[in-house]
Amino acid sequence: MKRRFFLVYLPLLCMTLLAACDDGDPKKVEDPPYEQDPTKVVLRGACAEADRVGGFQVQMNETDGYTAVDGVVRDGVMPGAVPVVVMTEGDCRLLGRRNLFCDPACGPGFTCGLDETCIPSPQGQDVGTLIVRGLVERLELKALSPGNSYSYTRLPHPGYEADHVIQARSTAGWLGPFELHGVGVTQLIPTQNTWTLRRGEDLVIEWTPPPEGARSRIVIEINVDQHGLSPLVLSCNLPDTGAAAVPRAIVDALIDAGVTGFPTGRVTRRTEDAQTFAQGCVDFFVTSVRLIAIAVAGFTPCTDSDDCTPPEVCDTDPQVQQCYTPCDGPEDCTEPATCSTEGKCR
């Protein structure tokens, strides 16, 4: 009789111990249900730069072939991250870097604010355990020191499936409880190898459109002035229809602001969600991103004259890196430019 009791008790003891072990394993914690229908999940767009204190993203990088999760939330808006909007046309903007100057200069732990007075430098905050569901594996991320950033780079690639709802949530921390959502986007595939900017023309771009009903948008970023003191970035947030035209006025203004070095382009398909707290706005993007080659008609980037077509030669000045045709006199230049002593039309 005692032996039978022991045999019955032993499985019960094992089950009790297993439950205790499960309670201590974050991978075994039961999650509350969340919306699984991608057509019903609420997506509230991205934060405005002037309100954004941070955010998180799931990035499926098509150029380098990896999927990663990262983000940080600070206790204030980073003043230098708020761009100067130089021009707006439709869904596109020209953004300038904000050069803030404080006199006297700010000391350690402080930065120059938007009103050009010193303010405490915004610091990353611990927003608790970030639980991300809907990827190929469930994640529980803790704030990393220093800086209280969040990061996970060991996901299989691709790290999510298209049309799957992805949730990022925390039940405690500096912000208190929050939930942000995204939807797995289809792989971004541009149908052009190079986007060429031409003065006086719209920039027409094309890509493979997503399935009907997709919740994604397309974000493009182009910089053609790598060495300028105040370079502008062309930024567009576009409907994900498969094609778009960047207005020629924006293209012309970007070129006129300066062309130096090797242009860069980045195009992202993403879903956008955000939540506003008393502390500021936090957003969440699920992305498919790749780099794309950019050319500017009439401009050839170079590192030496082998990159140029004669009679052009390379201006190897690290602040220029562009091919040019040397001039012999003012008649070789278009007014009001004249031929400098270095043989350049200026």
Protein backbone atom coordinates (compact mmCIF):
# COMPACT_ATOMS: atom_id res chain seq x y z
CA MET A 1 0.00 0.00 0.00
CA LYS A 2 2.78 2.42 0.84
CA ARG A 3 4.56 1.57 -2.40
CA ARG A 4 1.43 2.32 -4.45
CA PHE A 5 1.04 5.67 -2.65
CA PHE A 6 4.65 6.54 -3.46
CA LEU A 7 4.21 5.70 -7.14
CA VAL A 8 1.12 7.93 -7.35
CA TYR A 9 2.80 10.73 -5.40
CA LEU A 10 6.00 10.75 -7.47
CA PRO A 11 4.36 11.91 -10.76
CA LEU A 12 2.43 14.58 -8.83
CA LEU A 13 5.68 15.78 -7.27
CA CYS A 14 7.37 15.91 -10.68
CA MET A 15 4.46 17.85 -12.15
CA THR A 16 4.62 20.34 -9.28
CA LEU A 17 8.35 20.83 -9.70
CA LEU A 18 7.97 21.24 -13.47
CA ALA A 19 5.32 23.92 -12.99
CA ALA A 20 7.63 25.74 -10.60
CA CYS A 21 10.42 25.60 -13.15
CA ASP A 22 8.08 26.84 -15.89
CA ASP A 23 7.05 29.82 -13.76
CA GLY A 24 10.68 30.88 -13.62
CA ASP A 25 11.25 30.48 -17.38
CA PRO A 26 10.19 33.62 -19.29
CA LYS A 27 9.74 31.54 -22.45
CA LYS A 28 6.98 29.55 -20.70
CA VAL A 29 4.96 32.45 -19.33
CA GLU A 30 1.46 32.39 -20.78
CA ASP A 31 0.70 35.50 -22.88
CA PRO A 32 -2.67 37.21 -23.09
CA PRO A 33 -4.30 36.97 -26.53
CA TYR A 34 -3.80 39.77 -29.05
CA GLU A 35 -5.37 40.68 -32.38
CA GLN A 36 -4.25 38.27 -35.11
CA ASP A 37 -6.19 39.73 -38.03
CA PRO A 38 -3.89 42.17 -39.90
CA THR A 39 -6.90 44.03 -41.31
CA LYS A 40 -8.19 44.82 -37.82
CA VAL A 41 -5.06 45.78 -35.92
CA VAL A 42 -4.82 49.53 -35.28
CA LEU A 43 -1.77 51.26 -36.79
CA ARG A 44 -1.42 54.89 -35.73
CA GLY A 45 1.43 56.06 -37.98
CA ALA A 46 4.87 57.33 -37.02
CA CYS A 47 5.79 59.92 -34.39
CA ALA A 48 6.49 63.49 -35.43
CA GLU A 49 10.21 64.17 -35.01
CA ALA A 50 9.59 67.00 -32.55
CA ASP A 51 7.67 64.64 -30.21
CA ARG A 52 9.66 61.43 -30.61
CA VAL A 53 11.53 60.19 -27.55
CA GLY A 54 12.32 56.81 -29.07
CA GLY A 55 10.98 53.65 -30.59
CA PHE A 56 11.58 50.10 -31.71
CA GLN A 57 11.90 48.39 -35.05
CA VAL A 58 12.01 44.93 -36.55
CA GLN A 59 14.35 45.37 -39.51
CA MET A 60 14.53 42.78 -42.28
CA ASN A 61 17.64 44.00 -44.10
CA GLU A 62 17.48 42.74 -47.68
CA THR A 63 20.89 44.16 -48.67
CA ASP A 64 22.91 42.41 -45.96
CA GLY A 65 20.58 39.47 -45.32
CA TYR A 66 19.64 39.65 -41.65
CA THR A 67 16.67 40.37 -39.39
CA ALA A 68 17.14 42.24 -36.11
CA VAL A 69 15.15 43.97 -33.41
CA ASP A 70 16.43 47.14 -31.77
CA GLY A 71 15.33 50.34 -30.11
CA VAL A 72 15.70 52.79 -27.27
CA VAL A 73 13.43 55.21 -25.39
CA ARG A 74 14.95 58.35 -23.85
CA ASP A 75 13.66 60.80 -21.26
CA GLY A 76 13.48 63.61 -23.80
CA VAL A 77 13.60 64.49 -27.48
CA MET A 78 17.11 64.50 -28.98
CA PRO A 79 17.42 68.11 -30.25
CA GLY A 80 19.80 67.18 -33.05
CA ALA A 81 17.35 64.54 -34.34
CA VAL A 82 14.69 67.17 -35.09
CA PRO A 83 15.38 68.17 -38.71
CA VAL A 84 14.85 71.55 -40.33
CA VAL A 85 12.12 71.17 -42.96
CA VAL A 86 13.48 73.15 -45.89
CA MET A 87 10.79 72.28 -48.43
CA THR A 88 7.65 70.16 -48.72
CA GLU A 89 5.97 68.90 -51.90
CA GLY A 90 3.22 66.32 -51.55
CA ASP A 91 4.56 63.30 -49.63
CA CYS A 92 8.19 64.45 -49.93
CA ARG A 93 10.35 66.79 -47.87
CA LEU A 94 13.84 68.22 -47.99
CA LEU A 95 15.33 67.94 -44.52
CA GLY A 96 18.33 69.85 -43.23
CA ARG A 97 20.54 69.04 -40.29
CA ARG A 98 19.95 71.27 -37.30
CA ASN A 99 23.17 73.02 -36.27
CA LEU A 100 22.54 74.11 -32.71
CA PHE A 101 24.94 76.53 -31.03
CA CYS A 102 25.07 77.33 -27.33
CA ASP A 103 27.29 80.05 -25.87
CA PRO A 104 28.80 79.23 -23.47
CA ALA A 105 29.27 75.64 -24.64
CA CYS A 106 27.38 72.94 -22.74
CA GLY A 107 29.25 70.91 -20.13
CA PRO A 108 29.34 67.13 -19.68
CA GLY A 109 25.88 65.58 -19.43
CA PHE A 110 24.24 68.51 -21.23
CA THR A 111 23.41 69.27 -24.86
CA CYS A 112 22.31 72.32 -26.80
CA GLY A 113 18.50 72.48 -26.96
CA LEU A 114 16.23 73.70 -29.72
CA ASP A 115 16.14 77.16 -28.11
CA GLU A 116 19.97 77.09 -28.03
CA THR A 117 20.22 76.88 -24.27
CA CYS A 118 21.86 73.93 -22.54
CA ILE A 119 19.57 71.13 -21.39
CA PRO A 120 20.31 67.74 -19.79
CA SER A 121 21.23 65.21 -22.48
CA PRO A 122 18.30 62.79 -22.95
CA GLN A 123 19.17 59.42 -21.47
CA GLY A 124 17.91 55.96 -22.38
CA GLN A 125 15.32 54.57 -19.97
CA ASP A 126 14.44 51.08 -18.80
CA VAL A 127 10.93 50.46 -20.13
CA GLY A 128 10.79 46.98 -18.61
CA THR A 129 10.87 43.64 -20.36
CA LEU A 130 9.96 44.11 -24.02
CA ILE A 131 8.00 41.12 -25.26
CA VAL A 132 7.83 40.76 -29.04
CA ARG A 133 5.38 38.23 -30.50
CA GLY A 134 4.53 37.29 -34.07
CA LEU A 135 8.13 36.80 -35.24
CA VAL A 136 9.53 33.37 -36.07
CA GLU A 137 10.33 33.16 -32.37
CA ARG A 138 8.96 34.89 -29.30
CA LEU A 139 11.37 37.38 -27.71
CA GLU A 140 11.76 38.80 -24.23
CA LEU A 141 14.29 41.62 -24.25
CA LYS A 142 15.81 43.38 -21.26
CA ALA A 143 17.36 46.85 -21.29
CA LEU A 144 21.08 46.67 -22.02
CA SER A 145 23.75 48.68 -20.21
CA PRO A 146 24.98 51.24 -20.78
CA GLY A 147 22.21 53.31 -22.30
CA ASN A 148 19.18 51.07 -21.72
CA SER A 149 18.94 50.07 -25.38
CA TYR A 150 17.15 46.95 -26.61
CA SER A 151 18.64 44.65 -29.24
CA TYR A 152 18.38 41.13 -30.63
CA THR A 153 20.41 40.07 -33.66
CA ARG A 154 20.13 36.25 -33.62
CA LEU A 155 16.81 35.86 -35.41
CA PRO A 156 16.69 33.56 -38.42
CA HIS A 157 16.35 35.46 -41.69
CA PRO A 158 13.67 36.27 -42.69
CA GLY A 159 12.60 36.85 -39.12
CA TYR A 160 8.86 37.07 -39.74
CA GLU A 161 6.21 36.01 -42.21
CA ALA A 162 4.27 38.43 -44.38
CA ASP A 163 0.83 39.42 -43.10
CA HIS A 164 1.49 38.19 -39.55
CA VAL A 165 0.60 40.61 -36.76
CA ILE A 166 3.64 41.51 -34.65
CA GLN A 167 3.18 42.90 -31.16
CA ALA A 168 5.69 44.69 -28.95
CA ARG A 169 4.52 45.18 -25.37
CA SER A 170 5.69 45.87 -21.85
CA THR A 171 3.71 45.67 -18.63
CA ALA A 172 6.02 47.79 -16.50
CA GLY A 173 8.87 50.23 -16.75
CA TRP A 174 9.49 53.93 -17.26
CA LEU A 175 6.50 54.33 -19.61
CA GLY A 176 4.20 51.97 -17.75
CA PRO A 177 2.22 49.36 -19.73
CA PHE A 178 2.11 49.76 -23.51
CA GLU A 179 1.37 47.83 -26.67
CA LEU A 180 2.55 48.62 -30.18
CA HIS A 181 1.73 46.65 -33.31
CA GLY A 182 3.00 46.00 -36.79
CA VAL A 183 2.27 43.65 -39.67
CA GLY A 184 4.86 41.53 -41.45
CA VAL A 185 5.54 43.18 -44.81
CA THR A 186 6.44 41.49 -48.08
CA GLN A 187 10.04 41.62 -49.26
CA LEU A 188 10.85 44.95 -50.88
CA ILE A 189 12.03 44.53 -54.48
CA PRO A 190 12.76 47.69 -56.52
CA THR A 191 12.39 47.14 -60.27
CA GLN A 192 15.18 49.61 -61.10
CA ASN A 193 18.86 49.08 -60.27
CA THR A 194 19.59 52.81 -60.10
CA TRP A 195 17.49 55.90 -59.47
CA THR A 196 18.78 58.84 -61.53
CA LEU A 197 17.98 62.41 -60.50
CA ARG A 198 17.76 64.89 -63.39
CA ARG A 199 17.28 68.62 -62.98
CA GLY A 200 13.88 69.68 -64.30
CA GLU A 201 12.34 66.18 -64.14
CA ASP A 202 10.30 64.20 -61.63
CA LEU A 203 12.12 61.21 -60.19
CA VAL A 204 9.93 58.25 -61.17
CA ILE A 205 10.53 55.18 -59.03
CA GLU A 206 8.99 51.72 -59.20
CA TRP A 207 8.95 48.62 -57.03
CA THR A 208 7.03 45.35 -56.83
CA PRO A 209 3.71 46.23 -55.15
CA PRO A 210 2.49 44.29 -52.11
CA PRO A 211 -0.65 42.13 -52.09
CA GLU A 212 -3.97 44.00 -52.10
CA GLY A 213 -4.93 45.30 -48.68
CA ALA A 214 -1.37 45.55 -47.34
CA ARG A 215 -0.92 48.02 -44.48
CA SER A 216 2.59 49.12 -45.48
CA ARG A 217 4.09 52.38 -46.71
CA ILE A 218 7.29 53.16 -48.61
CA VAL A 219 9.93 55.50 -47.17
CA ILE A 220 12.82 56.71 -49.33
CA GLU A 221 15.89 58.68 -48.22
CA ILE A 222 18.39 60.16 -50.69
CA ASN A 223 21.56 62.15 -49.97
CA VAL A 224 23.66 63.54 -52.84
CA ASP A 225 25.84 65.94 -50.81
CA GLN A 226 28.03 63.72 -48.66
CA HIS A 227 30.60 66.39 -47.81
CA GLY A 228 28.50 69.55 -47.58
CA LEU A 229 28.51 71.63 -44.45
CA SER A 230 24.70 71.53 -44.34
CA PRO A 231 23.63 68.64 -46.60
CA LEU A 232 19.97 68.10 -47.33
CA VAL A 233 18.22 64.73 -47.32
CA LEU A 234 15.29 64.00 -49.62
CA SER A 235 12.74 62.03 -47.58
CA CYS A 236 9.40 60.73 -48.84
CA ASN A 237 6.73 58.69 -47.04
CA LEU A 238 4.66 57.21 -49.87
CA PRO A 239 1.63 54.96 -50.37
CA ASP A 240 2.81 51.43 -51.15
CA THR A 241 1.28 51.23 -54.64
CA GLY A 242 4.29 50.06 -56.66
CA ALA A 243 5.19 53.43 -58.23
CA ALA A 244 5.63 57.08 -57.30
CA ALA A 245 6.99 60.33 -58.70
CA VAL A 246 9.14 62.61 -56.56
CA PRO A 247 8.25 66.19 -57.65
CA ARG A 248 10.83 67.94 -59.82
CA ALA A 249 10.82 70.98 -57.52
CA ILE A 250 12.16 68.79 -54.72
CA VAL A 251 14.69 67.14 -57.06
CA ASP A 252 15.96 70.52 -58.33
CA ALA A 253 16.30 71.97 -54.83
CA LEU A 254 18.25 68.90 -53.68
CA ILE A 255 20.69 69.13 -56.59
CA ASP A 256 21.05 72.90 -56.28
CA ALA A 257 21.98 72.54 -52.60
CA GLY A 258 25.14 70.68 -53.60
CA VAL A 259 26.41 67.39 -55.06
CA THR A 260 29.59 65.94 -53.52
CA GLY A 261 30.96 62.46 -52.98
CA PHE A 262 29.04 59.28 -53.74
CA PRO A 263 25.23 59.60 -53.46
CA THR A 264 23.39 57.17 -51.21
CA GLY A 265 19.83 55.88 -51.28
CA ARG A 266 17.77 53.82 -48.90
CA VAL A 267 14.24 52.51 -49.48
CA THR A 268 12.08 50.91 -46.79
CA ARG A 269 8.73 49.16 -46.83
CA ARG A 270 7.24 49.36 -43.35
CA THR A 271 4.18 49.42 -41.14
CA GLU A 272 3.98 52.27 -38.63
CA ASP A 273 2.45 52.41 -35.17
CA ALA A 274 2.96 54.89 -32.33
CA GLN A 275 1.70 55.70 -28.87
CA THR A 276 1.87 59.06 -27.11
CA PHE A 277 2.66 59.19 -23.41
CA ALA A 278 3.11 62.08 -21.01
CA GLN A 279 6.85 61.67 -21.63
CA GLY A 280 6.55 61.86 -25.43
CA CYS A 281 5.86 59.72 -28.49
CA VAL A 282 7.21 56.18 -29.08
CA ASP A 283 6.85 54.35 -32.40
CA PHE A 284 7.25 50.83 -33.77
CA PHE A 285 8.18 49.85 -37.33
CA VAL A 286 8.20 46.46 -39.02
CA THR A 287 10.41 46.89 -42.07
CA SER A 288 11.94 45.45 -45.19
CA VAL A 289 14.84 47.70 -46.15
CA ARG A 290 17.53 47.84 -48.82
CA LEU A 291 20.10 50.24 -50.20
CA ILE A 292 19.69 51.45 -53.77
CA ALA A 293 22.18 53.07 -56.14
CA ILE A 294 21.66 56.79 -56.81
CA ALA A 295 23.00 58.81 -59.75
CA VAL A 296 22.74 62.52 -60.49
CA ALA A 297 22.72 63.41 -64.20
CA GLY A 298 25.70 65.62 -65.06
CA PHE A 299 27.66 64.60 -61.95
CA THR A 300 30.15 61.74 -61.65
CA PRO A 301 31.56 60.82 -58.24
CA CYS A 302 35.23 59.83 -58.17
CA THR A 303 38.22 58.99 -56.04
CA ASP A 304 40.76 59.51 -58.84
CA SER A 305 40.77 60.47 -62.52
CA ASP A 306 40.40 56.82 -63.59
CA ASP A 307 36.75 57.16 -62.53
CA CYS A 308 36.23 60.01 -65.04
CA THR A 309 35.83 60.12 -68.83
CA PRO A 310 38.44 62.38 -70.50
CA PRO A 311 38.70 65.30 -70.81
CA GLU A 312 37.20 65.24 -67.33
CA VAL A 313 39.49 64.79 -64.34
CA CYS A 314 38.76 64.11 -60.69
CA ASP A 315 38.61 66.81 -58.08
CA THR A 316 40.10 64.68 -55.32
CA ASP A 317 39.44 67.24 -52.62
CA PRO A 318 37.87 65.10 -49.83
CA GLN A 319 35.09 67.68 -49.64
CA VAL A 320 34.24 67.35 -53.36
CA GLN A 321 35.13 64.00 -55.05
CA GLN A 322 33.49 64.88 -58.38
CA CYS A 323 34.67 64.72 -62.00
CA TYR A 324 34.97 68.06 -63.82
CA THR A 325 36.21 69.45 -67.14
CA PRO A 326 39.14 71.83 -66.65
CA CYS A 327 38.71 75.31 -68.11
CA ASP A 328 41.32 77.45 -69.85
CA GLY A 329 39.49 80.76 -69.65
CA PRO A 330 36.14 82.41 -68.84
CA GLU A 331 34.79 81.43 -72.26
CA ASP A 332 34.78 77.78 -71.10
CA CYS A 333 32.38 78.55 -68.26
CA THR A 334 28.69 79.38 -68.14
CA GLU A 335 28.01 82.83 -66.72
CA PRO A 336 28.10 83.97 -64.00
CA ALA A 337 30.84 81.36 -63.34
CA THR A 338 34.41 82.23 -64.31
CA CYS A 339 37.56 80.13 -64.70
CA SER A 340 39.61 80.03 -61.51
CA THR A 341 43.38 79.79 -61.28
CA GLU A 342 42.92 76.07 -60.54
CA GLY A 343 41.15 75.64 -63.91
CA LYS A 344 37.68 75.20 -62.41
CA CYS A 345 34.49 77.05 -63.32
CA ARG A 346 33.29 78.73 -60.18
